[in-house]
C-alpha atoms as a PDB file:
ATOM      1  CA  MET A   1     132.405  92.111  78.863  1.00  0.00           C
ATOM      2  CA  ILE A   2     129.035  93.907  78.492  1.00  0.00           C
ATOM      3  CA  ALA A   3     126.134  91.703  78.659  1.00  0.00           C
ATOM      4  CA  SER A   4     123.655  91.587  75.711  1.00  0.00           C
ATOM      5  CA  ALA A   5     119.926  90.740  75.890  1.00  0.00           C
ATOM      6  CA  GLU A   6     120.590  87.962  73.067  1.00  0.00           C
ATOM      7  CA  ASP A   7     122.662  85.864  75.669  1.00  0.00           C
ATOM      8  CA  GLY A   8     120.353  86.481  78.533  1.00  0.00           C
ATOM      9  CA  SER A   9     123.037  87.870  80.871  1.00  0.00           C
ATOM     10  CA  SER A  10     121.354  91.096  81.169  1.00  0.00           C
ATOM     11  CA  ALA A  11     118.190  89.517  82.404  1.00  0.00           C
ATOM     12  CA  ASP A  12     120.096  87.334  84.814  1.00  0.00           C
ATOM     13  CA  ALA A  13     121.838  90.309  86.260  1.00  0.00           C
ATOM     14  CA  ASP A  14     118.513  92.250  86.472  1.00  0.00           C
ATOM     15  CA  GLY A  15     117.080  89.153  88.335  1.00  0.00           C
ATOM     16  CA  ALA A  16     120.035  88.809  90.674  1.00  0.00           C
ATOM     17  CA  ARG A  17     119.824  92.587  91.543  1.00  0.00           C
ATOM     18  CA  GLN A  18     116.064  92.272  92.248  1.00  0.00           C
ATOM     19  CA  GLU A  19     116.670  89.378  94.538  1.00  0.00           C
ATOM     20  CA  ALA A  20     119.284  91.136  96.345  1.00  0.00           C
ATOM     21  CA  ILE A  21     117.080  93.979  96.945  1.00  0.00           C
ATOM     22  CA  TYR A  22     114.220  91.695  98.121  1.00  0.00           C
ATOM     23  CA  GLN A  23     116.749  89.965 100.548  1.00  0.00           C
ATOM     24  CA  GLU A  24     117.776  93.594 102.057  1.00  0.00           C
ATOM     25  CA  GLN A  25     114.113  94.315 102.328  1.00  0.00           C
ATOM     26  CA  ILE A  26     113.449  91.000 104.170  1.00  0.00           C
ATOM     27  CA  LEU A  27     116.251  91.411 106.485  1.00  0.00           C
ATOM     28  CA  ALA A  28     115.362  94.912 107.396  1.00  0.00           C
ATOM     29  CA  HIS A  29     111.872  93.831 108.352  1.00  0.00           C
ATOM     30  CA  PHE A  30     113.471  90.875 110.376  1.00  0.00           C
ATOM     31  CA  ARG A  31     115.954  93.216 112.179  1.00  0.00           C
ATOM     32  CA  ARG A  32     113.353  95.770 112.908  1.00  0.00           C
ATOM     33  CA  PRO A  33     109.920  94.403 112.735  1.00  0.00           C
ATOM     34  CA  HIS A  34     106.935  96.638 112.483  1.00  0.00           C
ATOM     35  CA  GLY A  35     103.904  95.837 114.578  1.00  0.00           C
ATOM     36  CA  ARG A  36     105.632  93.806 117.063  1.00  0.00           C
ATOM     37  CA  GLY A  37     103.820  93.535 120.538  1.00  0.00           C
ATOM     38  CA  VAL A  38     100.449  92.554 121.934  1.00  0.00           C
ATOM     39  CA  LEU A  39      97.173  94.500 121.945  1.00  0.00           C
ATOM     40  CA  THR A  40      95.952  94.371 125.550  1.00  0.00           C
ATOM     41  CA  ALA A  41      92.228  95.144 124.385  1.00  0.00           C
ATOM     42  CA  ALA A  42      92.027  92.790 121.247  1.00  0.00           C
ATOM     43  CA  ASP A  43      88.940  92.006 119.677  1.00  0.00           C
ATOM     44  CA  THR A  44      90.419  88.770 118.760  1.00  0.00           C
ATOM     45  CA  THR A  45      93.729  86.766 118.972  1.00  0.00           C
ATOM     46  CA  ALA A  46      94.951  83.504 117.350  1.00  0.00           C
ATOM     47  CA  THR A  47      98.360  81.822 117.284  1.00  0.00           C
ATOM     48  CA  ALA A  48      99.706  79.640 114.423  1.00  0.00           C
ATOM     49  CA  ARG A  49     102.599  77.085 114.671  1.00  0.00           C
ATOM     50  CA  ASN A  50     104.758  75.424 112.256  1.00  0.00           C
ATOM     51  CA  PRO A  51     105.596  72.126 113.794  1.00  0.00           C
ATOM     52  CA  LEU A  52     108.442  71.330 111.323  1.00  0.00           C
ATOM     53  CA  CYS A  53     110.651  73.963 112.431  1.00  0.00           C
ATOM     54  CA  GLY A  54     109.021  75.231 115.834  1.00  0.00           C
ATOM     55  CA  GLU A  55     107.844  78.759 114.794  1.00  0.00           C
ATOM     56  CA  GLU A  56     105.067  80.313 116.436  1.00  0.00           C
ATOM     57  CA  ILE A  57     103.420  83.525 115.514  1.00  0.00           C
ATOM     58  CA  ALA A  58     100.342  85.064 117.341  1.00  0.00           C
ATOM     59  CA  VAL A  59      98.367  87.867 116.160  1.00  0.00           C
ATOM     60  CA  SER A  60      96.144  90.488 118.129  1.00  0.00           C
ATOM     61  CA  ILE A  61      93.477  92.435 116.299  1.00  0.00           C
ATOM     62  CA  THR A  62      91.217  95.238 117.127  1.00  0.00           C
ATOM     63  CA  MET A  63      88.515  96.158 114.640  1.00  0.00           C
ATOM     64  CA  ALA A  64      88.043  99.641 113.171  1.00  0.00           C
ATOM     65  CA  GLU A  65      85.020 101.804 113.886  1.00  0.00           C
ATOM     66  CA  ASP A  66      83.586  99.984 110.876  1.00  0.00           C
ATOM     67  CA  PRO A  67      83.544  96.671 112.438  1.00  0.00           C
ATOM     68  CA  MET A  68      84.141  95.100 108.773  1.00  0.00           C
ATOM     69  CA  ARG A  69      87.685  96.564 108.655  1.00  0.00           C
ATOM     70  CA  ILE A  70      90.927  95.762 110.680  1.00  0.00           C
ATOM     71  CA  GLY A  71      91.914  98.811 113.042  1.00  0.00           C
ATOM     72  CA  VAL A  72      95.275  97.690 114.400  1.00  0.00           C
ATOM     73  CA  ILE A  73      97.060  94.407 114.270  1.00  0.00           C
ATOM     74  CA  ARG A  74     100.091  93.263 116.290  1.00  0.00           C
ATOM     75  CA  PHE A  75     102.181  89.995 116.290  1.00  0.00           C
ATOM     76  CA  VAL A  76     104.597  88.376 118.846  1.00  0.00           C
ATOM     77  CA  GLY A  77     106.410  85.118 118.423  1.00  0.00           C
ATOM     78  CA  GLU A  78     109.460  83.299 117.304  1.00  0.00           C
ATOM     79  CA  GLY A  79     110.123  82.710 113.692  1.00  0.00           C
ATOM     80  CA  CYS A  80     113.023  82.761 111.048  1.00  0.00           C
ATOM     81  CA  SER A  81     113.532  85.738 108.950  1.00  0.00           C
ATOM     82  CA  LEU A  82     110.835  85.133 106.497  1.00  0.00           C
ATOM     83  CA  ALA A  83     108.075  84.413 108.965  1.00  0.00           C
ATOM     84  CA  THR A  84     109.040  87.706 111.022  1.00  0.00           C
ATOM     85  CA  ALA A  85     109.403  89.688 107.846  1.00  0.00           C
ATOM     86  CA  SER A  86     106.096  88.374 106.515  1.00  0.00           C
ATOM     87  CA  ALA A  87     104.465  89.283 109.897  1.00  0.00           C
ATOM     88  CA  SER A  88     105.943  92.817 109.898  1.00  0.00           C
ATOM     89  CA  ILE A  89     104.759  93.437 106.351  1.00  0.00           C
ATOM     90  CA  MET A  90     101.425  92.252 107.174  1.00  0.00           C
ATOM     91  CA  THR A  91     100.945  94.570 109.995  1.00  0.00           C
ATOM     92  CA  ASP A  92     101.814  97.417 107.493  1.00  0.00           C
ATOM     93  CA  ILE A  93      99.343  96.551 104.808  1.00  0.00           C
ATOM     94  CA  VAL A  94      96.411  95.130 106.832  1.00  0.00           C
ATOM     95  CA  PRO A  95      94.850  97.836 108.712  1.00  0.00           C
ATOM     96  CA  GLY A  96      91.746  99.344 107.154  1.00  0.00           C
ATOM     97  CA  ARG A  97      91.209  96.344 105.011  1.00  0.00           C
ATOM     98  CA  THR A  98      88.182  94.236 105.154  1.00  0.00           C
ATOM     99  CA  GLU A  99      88.146  90.317 105.884  1.00  0.00           C
ATOM    100  CA  ARG A 100      87.392  89.766 102.227  1.00  0.00           C
ATOM    101  CA  GLU A 101      90.324  91.666 101.039  1.00  0.00           C
ATOM    102  CA  ILE A 102      92.800  89.921 103.452  1.00  0.00           C
ATOM    103  CA  ALA A 103      91.456  86.558 102.097  1.00  0.00           C
ATOM    104  CA  GLN A 104      92.294  87.767  98.722  1.00  0.00           C
ATOM    105  CA  ILE A 105      95.670  89.035  99.607  1.00  0.00           C
ATOM    106  CA  ALA A 106      96.551  85.875 101.617  1.00  0.00           C
ATOM    107  CA  ASP A 107      95.405  83.602  98.422  1.00  0.00           C
ATOM    108  CA  ARG A 108      97.504  85.621  96.183  1.00  0.00           C
ATOM    109  CA  LEU A 109     100.476  85.473  98.668  1.00  0.00           C
ATOM    110  CA  ARG A 110      99.988  81.736  98.711  1.00  0.00           C
ATOM    111  CA  ARG A 111     100.019  81.547  94.889  1.00  0.00           C
ATOM    112  CA  LEU A 112     103.063  83.747  94.585  1.00  0.00           C
ATOM    113  CA  VAL A 113     105.227  81.530  96.887  1.00  0.00           C
ATOM    114  CA  SER A 114     103.847  78.477  95.090  1.00  0.00           C
ATOM    115  CA  GLY A 115     105.318  79.872  91.935  1.00  0.00           C
ATOM    116  CA  GLU A 116     102.559  81.700  90.140  1.00  0.00           C
ATOM    117  CA  ARG A 117     104.263  84.813  88.913  1.00  0.00           C
ATOM    118  CA  GLU A 118     101.050  86.296  87.846  1.00  0.00           C
ATOM    119  CA  ALA A 119      99.938  86.488  91.426  1.00  0.00           C
ATOM    120  CA  SER A 120     102.725  89.172  91.924  1.00  0.00           C
ATOM    121  CA  ASP A 121     100.932  91.812  89.870  1.00  0.00           C
ATOM    122  CA  LEU A 122      97.879  91.528  92.116  1.00  0.00           C
ATOM    123  CA  LEU A 123      99.814  91.759  95.431  1.00  0.00           C
ATOM    124  CA  PRO A 124     100.466  94.846  97.471  1.00  0.00           C
ATOM    125  CA  PRO A 125     104.182  95.619  96.392  1.00  0.00           C
ATOM    126  CA  PRO A 126     105.732  95.015  99.790  1.00  0.00           C
ATOM    127  CA  LEU A 127     104.651  91.509  99.644  1.00  0.00           C
ATOM    128  CA  ARG A 128     106.275  90.978  96.171  1.00  0.00           C
ATOM    129  CA  VAL A 129     109.663  90.350  98.045  1.00  0.00           C
ATOM    130  CA  PHE A 130     108.679  86.767  98.803  1.00  0.00           C
ATOM    131  CA  ALA A 131     108.480  85.679  95.173  1.00  0.00           C
ATOM    132  CA  PRO A 132     111.886  83.888  95.127  1.00  0.00           C
ATOM    133  CA  VAL A 133     110.608  81.562  97.930  1.00  0.00           C
ATOM    134  CA  ALA A 134     108.786  79.742  95.187  1.00  0.00           C
ATOM    135  CA  ARG A 135     112.126  78.046  94.465  1.00  0.00           C
ATOM    136  CA  VAL A 136     112.358  76.795  98.116  1.00  0.00           C
ATOM    137  CA  PRO A 137     109.241  74.886  98.869  1.00  0.00           C
ATOM    138  CA  ALA A 138     110.149  74.177 102.466  1.00  0.00           C
ATOM    139  CA  ARG A 139     110.033  77.810 103.254  1.00  0.00           C
ATOM    140  CA  ARG A 140     106.566  78.699 101.858  1.00  0.00           C
ATOM    141  CA  ALA A 141     105.098  77.737 105.327  1.00  0.00           C
ATOM    142  CA  CYS A 142     107.351  80.373 106.978  1.00  0.00           C
ATOM    143  CA  VAL A 143     106.007  83.149 104.813  1.00  0.00           C
ATOM    144  CA  LEU A 144     102.462  82.048 105.139  1.00  0.00           C
ATOM    145  CA  LEU A 145     102.475  81.297 108.941  1.00  0.00           C
ATOM    146  CA  PRO A 146     101.509  84.872 110.090  1.00  0.00           C
ATOM    147  CA  TRP A 147      98.680  85.023 107.490  1.00  0.00           C
ATOM    148  CA  ASP A 148      97.301  81.626 108.771  1.00  0.00           C
ATOM    149  CA  ALA A 149      97.375  83.170 112.310  1.00  0.00           C
ATOM    150  CA  LEU A 150      95.506  86.408 111.003  1.00  0.00           C
ATOM    151  CA  GLN A 151      93.073  84.194 109.059  1.00  0.00           C
ATOM    152  CA  ALA A 152      92.432  81.927 112.355  1.00  0.00           C
ATOM    153  CA  ALA A 153      92.007  85.116 114.449  1.00  0.00           C
ATOM    154  CA  LEU A 154      89.220  86.508 111.918  1.00  0.00           C
ATOM    155  CA  VAL A 155      87.448  83.295 112.219  1.00  0.00           C
ATOM    156  CA  ALA A 156      87.680  83.051 115.873  1.00  0.00           C
ATOM    157  CA  ARG A 157      86.094  86.529 115.992  1.00  0.00           C
ATOM    158  CA  LEU A 158      83.227  85.404 113.930  1.00  0.00           C
ATOM    159  CA  GLU A 159      82.814  82.303 116.207  1.00  0.00           C
ATOM    160  CA  GLY A 160      83.044  84.432 119.203  1.00  0.00           C
ATOM    161  CA  VAL A 161      86.230  82.702 120.270  1.00  0.00           C
ATOM    162  CA  THR A 162      89.419  84.143 121.155  1.00  0.00           C
ATOM    163  CA  GLY A 163      93.116  82.865 121.590  1.00  0.00           C
ATOM    164  CA  ARG A 164      92.698  80.031 119.060  1.00  0.00           C
ATOM    165  CA  ARG A 165      95.611  78.020 118.136  1.00  0.00           C
ATOM    166  CA  THR A 166      96.333  76.390 114.706  1.00  0.00           C
END
């Protein structure tokens, strides 16, 4: 049977294919995470925990020559595939960005996993893989955990504190 646009089958099949691609991308970042490790000479660090499932992600950051921009970011910790993939993607897209840009990205990601589809258009494309999480509210915290650690590290830097835990 050939699916027609009238019965919605084509749209459903396209959606299923897109989700399968997203799943593959998430698993690729989980299996071979980018940016895993600790920066020994970090300008700031912070750890975020999800007490409901025991996940913990710590980030360490060095600032760029322009002190308003992130230079290098690394993460360590134990998390599910969503938390690890989110941290991995975060380490790919954050370097070179300002704290304001990072706050905007984190807010848009939060909105995306809460079901605001419009937020997807405003996110860096790699983060769009988390759109299906909106259907599973319990998993939203997993995606946001690394971003919470990053934001805590940036606040700690402004306050002159390092090693903050949230």
